[in-house]
Protein backbone atom coordinates (compact mmCIF):
# COMPACT_ATOMS: atom_id res chain seq x y z
CA UNK A 1 81.95 157.46 111.71
CA UNK A 2 80.50 154.77 109.48
CA UNK A 3 79.72 155.18 105.85
CA UNK A 4 76.95 157.64 105.32
CA UNK A 5 74.31 156.54 102.64
CA UNK A 6 73.68 159.17 100.08
CA UNK A 7 70.04 160.05 99.68
CA UNK A 8 69.01 161.20 96.36
CA UNK A 9 65.10 161.48 95.99
CA UNK A 10 63.74 161.50 92.54
CA UNK A 11 63.72 164.76 90.64
CA UNK A 12 60.80 166.48 88.67
CA UNK A 13 57.68 168.06 90.04
CA UNK A 14 54.53 165.80 90.45
CA UNK A 15 52.47 168.89 89.73
CA UNK A 16 52.94 168.39 86.01
CA UNK A 17 51.25 165.00 85.51
CA UNK A 18 50.51 163.04 83.28
CA UNK A 19 53.74 163.50 81.49
CA UNK A 20 51.99 162.91 78.07
CA UNK A 21 52.44 164.45 74.64
CA UNK A 22 50.54 167.71 74.20
CA UNK A 23 47.59 167.57 71.80
CA UNK A 24 48.74 170.26 69.40
CA UNK A 25 52.26 171.93 68.88
CA UNK A 26 50.35 175.35 69.65
CA UNK A 27 50.07 176.28 73.42
CA UNK A 28 46.58 176.95 74.94
CA UNK A 29 46.36 179.96 77.11
CA UNK A 30 43.83 179.24 79.68
CA UNK A 31 43.86 182.60 81.60
CA UNK A 32 43.99 186.28 80.47
CA UNK A 33 44.80 188.89 83.08
CA UNK A 34 42.51 191.84 83.66
CA UNK A 35 44.01 195.32 82.81
CA UNK A 36 43.14 198.56 84.47
CA UNK A 37 43.93 200.56 81.34
CA UNK A 38 41.53 203.13 80.14
CA UNK A 39 41.90 202.17 76.47
CA UNK A 40 41.38 198.63 75.25
CA UNK A 41 44.42 196.69 73.80
CA UNK A 42 45.37 193.06 72.73
CA UNK A 43 46.70 190.94 75.79
CA UNK A 44 48.92 188.63 73.52
CA UNK A 45 50.92 188.00 70.41
CA UNK A 46 52.32 185.15 68.48
CA UNK A 47 55.68 184.28 67.19
CA UNK A 48 58.27 181.78 65.98
CA UNK A 49 61.31 180.74 67.98
CA UNK A 50 64.59 181.28 65.86
CA UNK A 51 67.31 180.68 68.30
CA UNK A 52 69.49 182.17 71.05
CA UNK A 53 72.40 184.70 71.12
CA UNK A 54 73.68 186.83 74.22
CA UNK A 55 73.93 190.39 74.91
CA UNK A 56 75.65 192.87 77.19
CA UNK A 57 73.42 195.42 79.11
CA UNK A 58 73.56 197.64 82.04
CA UNK A 59 72.11 196.18 85.17
CA UNK A 60 69.17 198.17 86.28
CA UNK A 61 67.77 196.24 89.19
CA UNK A 62 68.33 198.27 92.08
CA UNK A 63 68.83 195.15 94.62
CA UNK A 64 71.31 193.53 92.33
CA UNK A 65 74.93 193.69 93.46
CA UNK A 66 75.88 194.42 89.88
CA UNK A 67 73.62 197.56 89.72
CA UNK A 68 74.92 200.04 87.23
CA UNK A 69 77.32 197.66 85.85
CA UNK A 70 77.62 195.93 82.46
CA UNK A 71 76.63 192.31 82.61
CA UNK A 72 76.34 189.48 80.03
CA UNK A 73 72.91 187.73 79.57
CA UNK A 74 71.50 185.05 77.41
CA UNK A 75 68.66 186.01 75.14
CA UNK A 76 66.22 184.22 72.82
CA UNK A 77 65.20 185.67 69.40
CA UNK A 78 61.42 185.29 68.43
CA UNK A 79 60.54 186.25 64.85
CA UNK A 80 57.15 188.11 65.16
CA UNK A 81 55.64 188.97 61.62
CA UNK A 82 52.41 190.89 62.07
CA UNK A 83 49.44 188.80 62.92
CA UNK A 84 46.24 189.12 60.87
CA UNK A 85 42.88 189.73 62.70
CA UNK A 86 40.56 187.51 60.75
CA UNK A 87 37.65 187.44 63.34
CA UNK A 88 35.90 188.76 66.45
CA UNK A 89 34.40 186.41 69.08
CA UNK A 90 32.02 187.18 71.83
CA UNK A 91 31.77 185.19 75.22
CA UNK A 92 29.37 185.30 78.06
CA UNK A 93 30.08 184.06 81.64
CA UNK A 94 27.86 181.02 82.77
CA UNK A 95 28.04 178.85 85.97
CA UNK A 96 29.89 176.35 83.69
CA UNK A 97 32.64 178.81 82.55
CA UNK A 98 32.73 180.89 79.30
CA UNK A 99 30.31 180.11 76.78
CA UNK A 100 30.63 181.23 73.13
CA UNK A 101 27.96 183.59 71.97
CA UNK A 102 28.52 184.91 68.37
CA UNK A 103 31.36 185.92 66.15
CA UNK A 104 32.02 187.95 62.97
CA UNK A 105 34.64 187.30 60.30
CA UNK A 106 36.64 189.52 57.79
CA UNK A 107 35.07 189.66 54.25
CA UNK A 108 37.71 188.68 52.06
CA UNK A 109 40.04 186.22 54.07
CA UNK A 110 43.67 185.60 52.59
CA UNK A 111 44.17 182.53 50.27
CA UNK A 112 46.39 180.79 52.65
CA UNK A 113 43.69 180.60 55.38
CA UNK A 114 42.11 177.85 53.40
CA UNK A 115 45.16 175.67 54.35
CA UNK A 116 43.78 175.85 58.04
CA UNK A 117 40.24 176.23 57.78
CA UNK A 118 37.22 175.33 55.57
CA UNK A 119 35.77 178.56 54.76
CA UNK A 120 32.46 179.55 53.03
CA UNK A 121 32.74 181.41 49.79
CA UNK A 122 32.04 184.84 51.35
CA UNK A 123 31.14 186.19 54.75
CA UNK A 124 28.41 188.58 55.52
CA UNK A 125 30.46 190.62 57.88
CA UNK A 126 28.00 193.47 58.40
CA UNK A 127 25.21 191.39 59.65
CA UNK A 128 27.59 189.35 61.78
CA UNK A 129 28.78 192.57 63.36
CA UNK A 130 25.22 193.63 63.89
CA UNK A 131 24.46 190.34 65.74
CA UNK A 132 27.61 191.01 67.91
CA UNK A 133 26.20 194.56 68.60
CA UNK A 134 22.88 193.06 69.53
CA UNK A 135 24.40 190.78 72.01
CA UNK A 136 26.82 193.32 73.58
CA UNK A 137 24.90 193.38 76.93
CA UNK A 138 25.19 189.71 77.43
CA UNK A 139 29.00 189.62 76.42
CA UNK A 140 31.58 189.38 79.13
CA UNK A 141 34.76 188.66 77.01
CA UNK A 142 35.69 189.92 73.59
CA UNK A 143 38.57 187.99 71.71
CA UNK A 144 40.06 188.37 68.32
CA UNK A 145 40.88 185.46 66.11
CA UNK A 146 44.20 185.88 64.57
CA UNK A 147 46.30 184.16 61.83
CA UNK A 148 50.21 184.15 61.72
CA UNK A 149 51.74 185.05 58.58
CA UNK A 150 54.60 182.49 58.13
CA UNK A 151 55.36 183.46 54.56
CA UNK A 152 56.95 186.47 55.93
CA UNK A 153 59.45 184.51 57.88
CA UNK A 154 62.19 182.15 56.65
CA UNK A 155 60.07 179.03 57.62
CA UNK A 156 59.08 176.54 54.77
CA UNK A 157 55.50 176.41 56.15
CA UNK A 158 52.69 178.18 54.31
CA UNK A 159 49.80 177.26 56.66
CA UNK A 160 48.89 179.98 59.17
CA UNK A 161 48.49 179.18 62.91
CA UNK A 162 45.09 180.20 64.10
CA UNK A 163 44.86 181.59 67.82
CA UNK A 164 42.58 183.55 69.91
CA UNK A 165 43.81 186.64 71.83
CA UNK A 166 41.67 188.49 74.27
CA UNK A 167 41.04 192.17 74.56
CA UNK A 168 41.58 193.87 77.90
CA UNK A 169 41.13 197.31 79.57
CA UNK A 170 38.14 199.65 79.34
CA UNK A 171 34.51 198.38 78.95
CA UNK A 172 33.14 195.65 76.90
CA UNK A 173 31.39 197.98 74.40
CA UNK A 174 34.75 199.99 73.82
CA UNK A 175 36.57 196.72 73.48
CA UNK A 176 34.07 195.62 70.72
CA UNK A 177 34.57 199.07 68.99
CA UNK A 178 38.34 198.53 69.19
CA UNK A 179 38.09 195.00 67.78
CA UNK A 180 35.96 196.38 64.89
CA UNK A 181 38.86 198.73 63.78
CA UNK A 182 41.29 195.67 63.95
CA UNK A 183 39.05 193.49 61.82
CA UNK A 184 40.82 192.46 58.58
CA UNK A 185 44.08 194.18 59.53
CA UNK A 186 47.72 193.30 60.59
CA UNK A 187 48.76 193.96 63.92
CA UNK A 188 52.42 194.35 64.77
CA UNK A 189 54.11 193.37 68.08
CA UNK A 190 54.93 196.95 69.24
CA UNK A 191 51.33 197.74 69.15
CA UNK A 192 50.88 195.05 71.92
CA UNK A 193 54.20 195.10 73.96
CA UNK A 194 56.81 197.62 74.62
CA UNK A 195 60.54 197.26 75.44
CA UNK A 196 61.48 196.57 79.02
CA UNK A 197 58.05 195.18 80.04
CA UNK A 198 57.59 191.62 81.24
CA UNK A 199 55.63 188.97 79.37
CA UNK A 200 54.57 185.41 80.03
CA UNK A 201 55.64 182.79 77.40
CA UNK A 202 53.46 179.64 76.61
CA UNK A 203 55.02 177.00 74.38
CA UNK A 204 55.33 173.26 73.94
CA UNK A 205 58.67 171.98 75.16
CA UNK A 206 61.23 170.10 73.07
CA UNK A 207 60.15 166.41 72.64
CA UNK A 208 62.58 163.71 73.86
CA UNK A 209 60.51 160.68 73.05
CA UNK A 210 60.18 157.67 75.34
CA UNK A 211 62.81 157.67 78.05
CA UNK A 212 63.75 155.69 81.12
CA UNK A 213 63.39 156.69 84.86
CA UNK A 214 66.99 157.86 85.19
CA UNK A 215 66.78 160.48 82.38
CA UNK A 216 63.12 161.34 82.90
CA UNK A 217 63.07 161.59 86.66
CA UNK A 218 66.80 161.62 87.71
CA UNK A 219 66.71 158.55 89.99
CA UNK A 220 69.90 157.15 91.24
CA UNK A 221 71.50 154.54 89.11
CA UNK A 222 71.85 151.39 91.08
CA UNK A 223 74.93 149.39 91.83
CA UNK A 224 76.39 147.10 89.22
CA UNK A 225 76.19 144.15 91.56
CA UNK A 226 72.42 144.59 91.99
CA UNK A 227 70.03 142.24 90.46
CA UNK A 228 68.68 142.64 86.77
CA UNK A 229 68.95 146.30 86.26
CA UNK A 230 71.09 149.48 86.87
CA UNK A 231 68.88 152.29 85.27
CA UNK A 232 65.61 151.13 86.78
CA UNK A 233 64.22 151.72 90.15
CA UNK A 234 64.78 149.52 93.22
CA UNK A 235 61.06 149.26 94.23
CA UNK A 236 57.61 149.77 92.72
CA UNK A 237 56.19 150.59 95.88
CA UNK A 238 54.57 149.02 99.05
CA UNK A 239 52.58 145.88 99.23
CA UNK A 240 49.61 148.01 100.33
CA UNK A 241 48.02 149.63 98.39
CA UNK A 242 47.92 146.83 95.89
CA UNK A 243 48.73 149.00 92.83
CA UNK A 244 51.67 151.06 91.43
CA UNK A 245 51.21 154.66 92.76
CA UNK A 246 51.27 157.58 90.41
CA UNK A 247 54.26 158.98 92.33
CA UNK A 248 56.52 156.00 91.54
CA UNK A 249 59.06 157.15 88.73
CA UNK A 250 58.46 155.10 85.56
CA UNK A 251 59.69 155.27 82.07
CA UNK A 252 57.47 157.04 79.37
CA UNK A 253 57.11 160.16 77.35
CA UNK A 254 59.53 163.05 78.07
CA UNK A 255 59.08 166.46 76.59
CA UNK A 256 56.64 167.84 74.09
CA UNK A 257 54.71 169.14 77.15
CA UNK A 258 53.12 172.59 77.38
CA UNK A 259 54.68 174.90 79.90
CA UNK A 260 54.14 178.51 80.79
CA UNK A 261 57.08 180.68 81.91
CA UNK A 262 56.32 183.73 83.93
CA UNK A 263 57.82 187.24 83.69
CA UNK A 264 60.39 187.06 81.04
CA UNK A 265 61.68 190.45 80.20
CA UNK A 266 61.41 191.95 76.69
CA UNK A 267 64.94 193.36 75.91
CA UNK A 268 64.08 194.66 72.55
CA UNK A 269 61.31 194.88 69.78
CA UNK A 270 63.03 195.52 66.53
CA UNK A 271 61.83 195.74 63.00
CA UNK A 272 64.81 194.38 60.75
CA UNK A 273 65.75 190.84 61.69
CA UNK A 274 68.95 191.20 59.70
CA UNK A 275 70.58 193.27 62.43
CA UNK A 276 70.13 190.27 64.96
CA UNK A 277 70.90 187.21 62.59
CA UNK A 278 73.97 185.46 63.58
CA UNK A 279 76.54 184.79 60.85
CA UNK A 280 75.54 181.71 58.87
CA UNK A 281 71.99 182.07 60.19
CA UNK A 282 70.37 180.44 63.31
CA UNK A 283 70.84 176.63 63.32
CA UNK A 284 67.90 174.69 62.00
CA UNK A 285 66.14 178.12 61.41
CA UNK A 286 67.99 180.43 59.03
CA UNK A 287 67.87 184.01 58.49
CA UNK A 288 65.50 186.54 60.19
CA UNK A 289 63.40 188.63 57.48
CA UNK A 290 61.36 190.97 59.42
CA UNK A 291 60.26 192.13 63.02
CA UNK A 292 61.50 190.24 66.01
CA UNK A 293 61.38 190.38 69.84
CA UNK A 294 64.37 189.82 72.18
CA UNK A 295 63.57 188.04 75.27
CA UNK A 296 65.92 187.86 78.30
CA UNK A 297 66.80 184.12 79.14
CA UNK A 298 65.54 180.93 77.68
CA UNK A 299 62.05 179.86 76.67
CA UNK A 300 60.47 176.48 76.03
CA UNK A 301 60.51 174.95 72.73
CA UNK A 302 62.85 174.10 69.83
CA UNK A 303 63.47 176.21 66.72
CA UNK A 304 60.53 176.99 64.59
CA UNK A 305 58.21 176.34 67.28
CA UNK A 306 55.11 178.57 67.72
CA UNK A 307 55.56 180.86 70.76
CA UNK A 308 52.53 182.77 72.45
CA UNK A 309 53.30 185.87 74.37
CA UNK A 310 50.81 187.17 77.03
CA UNK A 311 50.81 190.21 79.24
CA UNK A 312 51.97 189.05 82.63
CA UNK A 313 49.48 187.31 84.98
CA UNK A 314 51.54 188.28 88.09
CA UNK A 315 54.02 190.85 87.25
CA UNK A 316 57.05 191.40 89.51
CA UNK A 317 56.54 194.10 92.22
CA UNK A 318 59.73 195.84 91.66
CA UNK A 319 60.05 195.85 87.92
CA UNK A 320 62.27 198.46 86.50
CA UNK A 321 60.36 201.23 84.48
CA UNK A 322 63.58 202.05 82.42
CA UNK A 323 64.31 200.78 78.87
CA UNK A 324 67.01 198.07 78.78
CA UNK A 325 70.34 199.58 77.88
CA UNK A 326 71.81 197.08 75.61
CA UNK A 327 75.57 197.81 74.92
CA UNK A 328 76.43 194.84 72.56
CA UNK A 329 74.37 192.10 70.88
CA UNK A 330 76.35 189.15 69.65
CA UNK A 331 75.95 188.03 66.05
CA UNK A 332 78.94 185.83 65.94
CA UNK A 333 78.34 182.52 64.40
CA UNK A 334 77.23 179.67 66.54
CA UNK A 335 78.94 177.27 64.22
CA UNK A 336 82.40 178.87 64.02
CA UNK A 337 81.88 180.13 60.57
C-alpha cells in the first residue's frame, strides 16, 4: 500500500457570501411567521447578551437515550428589560413587497429617545391613529416600533435601540386594536414568550477582523518546503475562466456577520437577574439587574450585543409541551473568584 494522500476540502458554507461586515450591530428580521392564534400577540422581543453558564435539568425529549435522567447543558443568559412601544406602523402588500402606509407615535416619548431619533416637539397621536383606522382595509401587516431601555441594565449605554416587531394572530383590525392598547406602554418578555417554547435568535456574530484563508476557511497548511507560503492556498483556480472564482478561499473579513439560529429552547424567564448572576459578575458585562431569559445552548454575538428573539419560523414537530425541570443553575465564578 502506497502513501494515501490526505484530502481536506475547505470548510465553511458558500451560502453565506459575501463575508463582509454587517451594516449595523442590530440584526434585521426579514421574515415573521404566521400565527393561528385567535388573540393577537407580539412575534418577537429584544434583549442584551450577558454571558453563559450551565444548568442541570431533567431530559424530557422522549427519543433521547437519557430520557427522564438528569443531564448537564450549557445555557446563555439574555437580559431582557421591558421594551417600550413607541409607535405603530401599517404596511400593505404590493407586487414589489411590503410598502409602508402610515404610522402613529406615542404622545410624550421618553427623553432618551432623542439620542436615537430626531423627533418633533409633539405628536398628534389621535389624528395619526385615525389615519391608521381609515387605511385599515388596505393594511395587510401591523408592526409596532419598540425602543429598548438599556438604562435598566448594567450597560453603560443610554441610547435605546429601535426595532420593529410584527403582530401575529387573529385579524388585522384586531391586531390594530391590540397595538393601540400597547402604544406608550412597556411590554415584558413573559407577555411574548413562555418557558419551554422554542425561539429563533438573530444577532451579529463576534467580529474577528481581517483573517487569512487558514483561519477563515480552514484550508490545509502547506508543507514547509513549498514555495513562498504555508498559510496560503496552492492554486487560485484554473486558466479558464480567466478570473478568480468566488468559491476560491481568500483572506478577508471574518465575523461580525448576521446569523439566525433556529429553534433555541427557552429554559427559564426570570424577573430577578441577581438569582442568575455568577459570582463576580459576567465577564465584560457585569451584574444582571432585572428580567432575563435563559436559552439552552449558545447564541451568536459577543457580550452586550443586542439579541433579537422571534417566534419560531419552523418549530420542531416533536417539541415537548412540559416546562423544563431545572434542578441546578451554576452561579459559580467563571474567573475562579
